Amino acid sequence: MSQGPARTSRALLHGGLLFLLGFLVLTAVVAHQHFAGLDHAARAVIHQSQHPALQGFMVGASYLGGEPGQVAVVLVGFAMLWPRRRRWALALPVVVAGAGLLQFVAKWAIDRPRPNLDSWGFPSAHVLSLVVLCGYLAYAVSMASARRARRRLAVGACAAIVGTVAYSRMYLDVHFLSDVLGGATAGLGYLFVAIWATKSAPRLGRALRATPLASRSDGLLVPAPAGSPADPLVGTAGVAVMFPAPAADAS
């Protein structure tokens, strides 16, 4: 592997671990109520900007950013990636399912109330899943295109979708600011590790397909070349192993 791809793989893995560490730090801060002041300040600012005309848009953005919209995007993304990047297409539903499992475990373990006093507020599942889904597709599109403008468009669309849904979740009073930040940090950490694993899949596959040691040991059963001084000893030992001597007659 060339130095460039190796450096990129290391950067992805290290970045993912760094974001996951940031999520753990944020979790500890939230658990000790050190983020409560910023949460309530952000909530007050958002409530002051509420307007009846925005309510329908926010409800729609929150709905489409949930499971219905994400399932549709997974199907469309799979169809787009399949013709040229089948490995990335096959990994897409697996990566998204892993993000769903991650947010479920995190919510169950932390069990923090939402602003409307419902359960399981931290981290935001909408934000975590969308960061993973949109980020994964944006990375795959960026790899497939050599045009810088198309790459910027993919990244910009990803950021706009995640930002809109994140704001809608706070606007609808179902998440605090810290919930959104928790979903973003956990999602980015998981996304970087998932991309690293998908990029490393071919190398891992080649390593697993390598000839195992047991198959190479078959060469030990091949007779030695004729004329070798070890011929009588090898032949005698082979016969002794394959045909053990009969037990002595007891009579």
Protein backbone atom coordinates (compact mmCIF):
# COMPACT_ATOMS: atom_id res chain seq x y z
CA MET A 1 0.00 0.00 0.00
CA SER A 2 1.33 3.42 -0.96
CA GLN A 3 2.13 6.04 1.65
CA GLY A 4 -0.82 8.29 0.69
CA PRO A 5 -3.65 5.78 1.29
CA ALA A 6 -1.90 4.55 4.44
CA ARG A 7 -1.76 8.10 5.80
CA THR A 8 -5.43 8.62 4.97
CA SER A 9 -6.43 5.39 6.74
CA ARG A 10 -4.49 6.37 9.84
CA ALA A 11 -6.06 9.83 9.83
CA LEU A 12 -9.56 8.33 9.59
CA LEU A 13 -8.94 5.90 12.43
CA HIS A 14 -7.30 8.47 14.68
CA GLY A 15 -10.00 11.03 13.91
CA GLY A 16 -12.73 8.53 14.73
CA LEU A 17 -11.14 7.62 18.04
CA LEU A 18 -10.69 11.31 18.86
CA PHE A 19 -14.37 12.10 18.24
CA LEU A 20 -15.46 9.07 20.27
CA LEU A 21 -13.25 10.28 23.11
CA GLY A 22 -14.89 13.70 22.79
CA PHE A 23 -18.29 12.05 23.05
CA LEU A 24 -17.26 10.30 26.26
CA VAL A 25 -16.00 13.58 27.72
CA LEU A 26 -19.23 15.35 26.75
CA THR A 27 -21.24 12.52 28.30
CA ALA A 28 -19.39 12.96 31.59
CA VAL A 29 -19.98 16.73 31.51
CA VAL A 30 -23.69 16.28 30.79
CA ALA A 31 -24.07 13.60 33.46
CA HIS A 32 -22.71 16.01 36.10
CA GLN A 33 -25.04 18.83 34.95
CA HIS A 34 -22.14 21.08 33.88
CA PHE A 35 -23.80 21.78 30.53
CA ALA A 36 -27.19 22.74 31.96
CA GLY A 37 -26.60 26.51 31.72
CA LEU A 38 -25.78 26.40 28.00
CA ASP A 39 -28.68 24.03 27.36
CA HIS A 40 -31.23 26.34 28.95
CA ALA A 41 -29.73 29.44 27.32
CA ALA A 42 -29.91 27.86 23.85
CA ARG A 43 -33.45 26.67 24.55
CA ALA A 44 -34.54 30.18 25.51
CA VAL A 45 -33.05 31.69 22.34
CA ILE A 46 -34.75 29.10 20.12
CA HIS A 47 -38.10 29.65 21.83
CA GLN A 48 -37.85 33.38 21.17
CA SER A 49 -37.45 32.68 17.43
CA GLN A 50 -40.52 30.45 17.17
CA HIS A 51 -43.17 31.45 14.67
CA PRO A 52 -46.39 29.69 13.61
CA ALA A 53 -45.27 29.73 9.98
CA LEU A 54 -42.17 27.68 10.85
CA GLN A 55 -43.96 24.99 12.82
CA GLY A 56 -45.02 22.91 9.82
CA PHE A 57 -41.56 23.11 8.24
CA MET A 58 -39.87 22.00 11.44
CA VAL A 59 -42.26 19.09 11.91
CA GLY A 60 -41.66 17.99 8.32
CA ALA A 61 -37.87 18.29 8.63
CA SER A 62 -37.91 16.29 11.85
CA TYR A 63 -40.10 13.59 10.30
CA LEU A 64 -38.06 13.24 7.11
CA GLY A 65 -34.86 13.23 9.15
CA GLY A 66 -36.10 10.20 11.07
CA GLU A 67 -36.54 6.61 10.00
CA PRO A 68 -38.83 7.19 6.94
CA GLY A 69 -36.44 9.59 5.27
CA GLN A 70 -33.33 7.65 6.26
CA VAL A 71 -34.67 4.38 4.82
CA ALA A 72 -35.46 6.14 1.54
CA VAL A 73 -31.97 7.68 1.39
CA VAL A 74 -30.35 4.29 2.09
CA LEU A 75 -32.26 2.73 -0.81
CA VAL A 76 -31.40 5.58 -3.19
CA GLY A 77 -27.77 5.60 -2.06
CA PHE A 78 -27.48 1.85 -2.53
CA ALA A 79 -28.83 2.13 -6.08
CA MET A 80 -26.43 4.98 -6.90
CA LEU A 81 -23.33 3.24 -5.51
CA TRP A 82 -24.03 -0.26 -6.82
CA PRO A 83 -22.94 0.17 -10.49
CA ARG A 84 -19.40 1.40 -9.73
CA ARG A 85 -18.74 1.01 -5.99
CA ARG A 86 -20.39 -2.21 -4.95
CA ARG A 87 -18.32 -2.63 -1.78
CA TRP A 88 -19.51 0.77 -0.55
CA ALA A 89 -23.08 -0.02 -1.57
CA LEU A 90 -23.09 -3.29 0.36
CA ALA A 91 -21.53 -1.65 3.42
CA LEU A 92 -24.06 1.22 3.49
CA PRO A 93 -26.99 -0.61 5.18
CA VAL A 94 -24.58 -2.34 7.56
CA VAL A 95 -23.03 0.99 8.61
CA VAL A 96 -26.45 2.61 9.11
CA ALA A 97 -27.70 -0.36 11.14
CA GLY A 98 -24.59 -0.11 13.32
CA ALA A 99 -25.32 3.58 13.93
CA GLY A 100 -28.84 2.65 15.03
CA LEU A 101 -27.45 0.12 17.48
CA LEU A 102 -24.93 2.66 18.80
CA GLN A 103 -27.55 5.31 19.51
CA PHE A 104 -29.85 2.75 21.17
CA VAL A 105 -27.11 1.54 23.52
CA ALA A 106 -26.01 5.10 24.32
CA LYS A 107 -29.55 6.25 25.08
CA TRP A 108 -30.21 3.20 27.25
CA ALA A 109 -26.96 3.60 29.17
CA ILE A 110 -27.27 7.36 29.81
CA ASP A 111 -31.09 7.58 30.10
CA ARG A 112 -31.29 11.38 30.24
CA PRO A 113 -34.69 13.15 30.08
CA ARG A 114 -35.60 15.37 27.14
CA PRO A 115 -36.71 19.00 27.54
CA ASN A 116 -40.33 17.85 27.30
CA LEU A 117 -39.55 15.30 30.07
CA ASP A 118 -39.75 12.27 27.78
CA SER A 119 -37.04 9.66 28.28
CA TRP A 120 -33.87 8.88 26.34
CA GLY A 121 -32.82 12.33 25.20
CA PHE A 122 -29.02 12.00 25.00
CA PRO A 123 -27.65 11.66 22.37
CA SER A 124 -29.95 12.75 19.55
CA ALA A 125 -30.65 9.70 17.39
CA HIS A 126 -31.73 11.87 14.45
CA VAL A 127 -28.44 13.76 14.43
CA LEU A 128 -26.23 10.73 15.05
CA SER A 129 -27.83 8.66 12.29
CA LEU A 130 -27.90 11.53 9.79
CA VAL A 131 -24.25 12.39 10.40
CA VAL A 132 -23.35 8.78 9.62
CA LEU A 133 -25.68 8.38 6.64
CA CYS A 134 -25.04 11.73 4.96
CA GLY A 135 -21.34 11.70 5.79
CA TYR A 136 -20.90 8.21 4.37
CA LEU A 137 -22.65 9.12 1.12
CA ALA A 138 -20.77 12.42 0.84
CA TYR A 139 -17.45 10.58 1.22
CA ALA A 140 -18.42 7.97 -1.38
CA VAL A 141 -19.51 10.67 -3.84
CA SER A 142 -16.31 12.63 -3.23
CA MET A 143 -14.20 9.57 -4.03
CA ALA A 144 -16.13 8.89 -7.23
CA SER A 145 -15.79 12.45 -8.53
CA ALA A 146 -12.60 14.25 -9.45
CA ARG A 147 -14.39 17.62 -9.53
CA ARG A 148 -13.78 19.75 -6.48
CA ALA A 149 -17.08 21.58 -6.97
CA ARG A 150 -19.03 18.33 -6.74
CA ARG A 151 -17.19 17.37 -3.58
CA ARG A 152 -17.99 20.70 -1.98
CA LEU A 153 -21.62 20.34 -3.01
CA ALA A 154 -21.83 16.90 -1.39
CA VAL A 155 -20.27 18.12 1.86
CA GLY A 156 -22.42 21.27 1.87
CA ALA A 157 -25.63 19.31 1.32
CA CYS A 158 -24.68 16.93 4.12
CA ALA A 159 -24.04 19.81 6.54
CA ALA A 160 -27.28 21.57 5.54
CA ILE A 161 -29.41 18.46 6.09
CA VAL A 162 -27.87 17.64 9.45
CA GLY A 163 -28.03 21.26 10.62
CA THR A 164 -31.67 21.70 9.61
CA VAL A 165 -32.81 18.50 11.32
CA ALA A 166 -30.75 19.25 14.42
CA TYR A 167 -32.32 22.70 14.73
CA SER A 168 -35.80 21.24 14.18
CA ARG A 169 -35.28 18.82 17.06
CA MET A 170 -34.41 21.68 19.40
CA TYR A 171 -37.19 23.87 17.94
CA LEU A 172 -39.75 21.17 18.70
CA ASP A 173 -38.41 20.94 22.27
CA VAL A 174 -37.47 17.27 22.06
CA HIS A 175 -33.71 17.78 22.46
CA PHE A 176 -31.26 20.02 24.28
CA LEU A 177 -28.22 21.53 22.60
CA SER A 178 -26.04 18.97 24.38
CA ASP A 179 -28.16 16.14 22.94
CA VAL A 180 -27.47 17.44 19.44
CA LEU A 181 -23.75 17.87 20.13
CA GLY A 182 -23.62 14.37 21.60
CA GLY A 183 -25.23 12.93 18.48
CA ALA A 184 -22.81 14.85 16.24
CA THR A 185 -19.64 13.78 18.09
CA ALA A 186 -20.70 10.15 18.43
CA GLY A 187 -21.84 10.10 14.80
CA LEU A 188 -18.57 11.57 13.50
CA GLY A 189 -16.52 9.14 15.56
CA TYR A 190 -18.50 6.18 14.30
CA LEU A 191 -18.50 7.53 10.73
CA PHE A 192 -14.71 7.85 10.55
CA VAL A 193 -14.21 4.35 11.93
CA ALA A 194 -16.83 2.94 9.52
CA ILE A 195 -15.16 4.59 6.51
CA TRP A 196 -11.77 3.30 7.68
CA ALA A 197 -13.17 -0.22 8.00
CA THR A 198 -14.81 -0.07 4.55
CA LYS A 199 -11.59 1.17 2.94
CA SER A 200 -9.61 -1.55 4.73
CA ALA A 201 -12.00 -4.35 3.74
CA PRO A 202 -10.04 -5.43 0.60
CA ARG A 203 -6.77 -5.74 2.53
CA LEU A 204 -8.48 -7.71 5.28
CA GLY A 205 -10.07 -9.96 2.66
CA ARG A 206 -6.72 -10.67 1.05
CA ALA A 207 -5.22 -11.45 4.43
CA LEU A 208 -8.02 -13.90 5.24
CA ARG A 209 -7.64 -15.58 1.85
CA ALA A 210 -3.92 -16.15 2.41
CA THR A 211 -2.85 -19.81 2.46
CA PRO A 212 -3.08 -21.08 6.05
CA LEU A 213 -0.18 -22.82 7.70
CA ALA A 214 -2.06 -26.13 7.83
CA SER A 215 -2.35 -26.29 4.04
CA ARG A 216 1.38 -25.63 3.63
CA SER A 217 2.09 -28.53 5.95
CA ASP A 218 0.73 -30.87 3.26
CA GLY A 219 4.13 -30.59 1.65
CA LEU A 220 5.54 -32.67 4.52
CA LEU A 221 3.70 -35.71 3.13
CA VAL A 222 5.37 -35.42 -0.29
CA PRO A 223 8.11 -38.09 -0.66
CA ALA A 224 11.65 -36.86 -0.70
CA PRO A 225 13.46 -36.82 -4.07
CA ALA A 226 14.95 -40.10 -5.22
CA GLY A 227 18.51 -40.64 -4.20
CA SER A 228 18.18 -38.60 -1.07
CA PRO A 229 19.99 -40.16 1.89
CA ALA A 230 16.85 -39.69 3.96
CA ASP A 231 14.72 -41.90 1.66
CA PRO A 232 14.82 -45.09 3.76
CA LEU A 233 14.19 -43.25 7.03
CA VAL A 234 11.27 -41.20 5.67
CA GLY A 235 9.68 -44.19 4.00
CA THR A 236 10.00 -46.34 7.11
CA ALA A 237 8.58 -43.62 9.35
CA GLY A 238 5.66 -43.00 6.99
CA VAL A 239 4.73 -46.68 6.86
CA ALA A 240 5.04 -46.96 10.65
CA VAL A 241 2.68 -44.03 11.17
CA MET A 242 0.03 -45.05 8.61
CA PHE A 243 0.08 -48.79 9.40
CA PRO A 244 0.74 -49.37 13.10
CA ALA A 245 2.10 -52.79 14.07
CA PRO A 246 -0.56 -55.37 15.14
CA ALA A 247 -0.88 -56.13 18.82
CA ALA A 248 1.01 -59.23 20.02
CA ASP A 249 -1.00 -62.46 20.38
CA ALA A 250 -1.76 -62.99 24.02
CA SER A 251 -2.08 -66.77 23.72
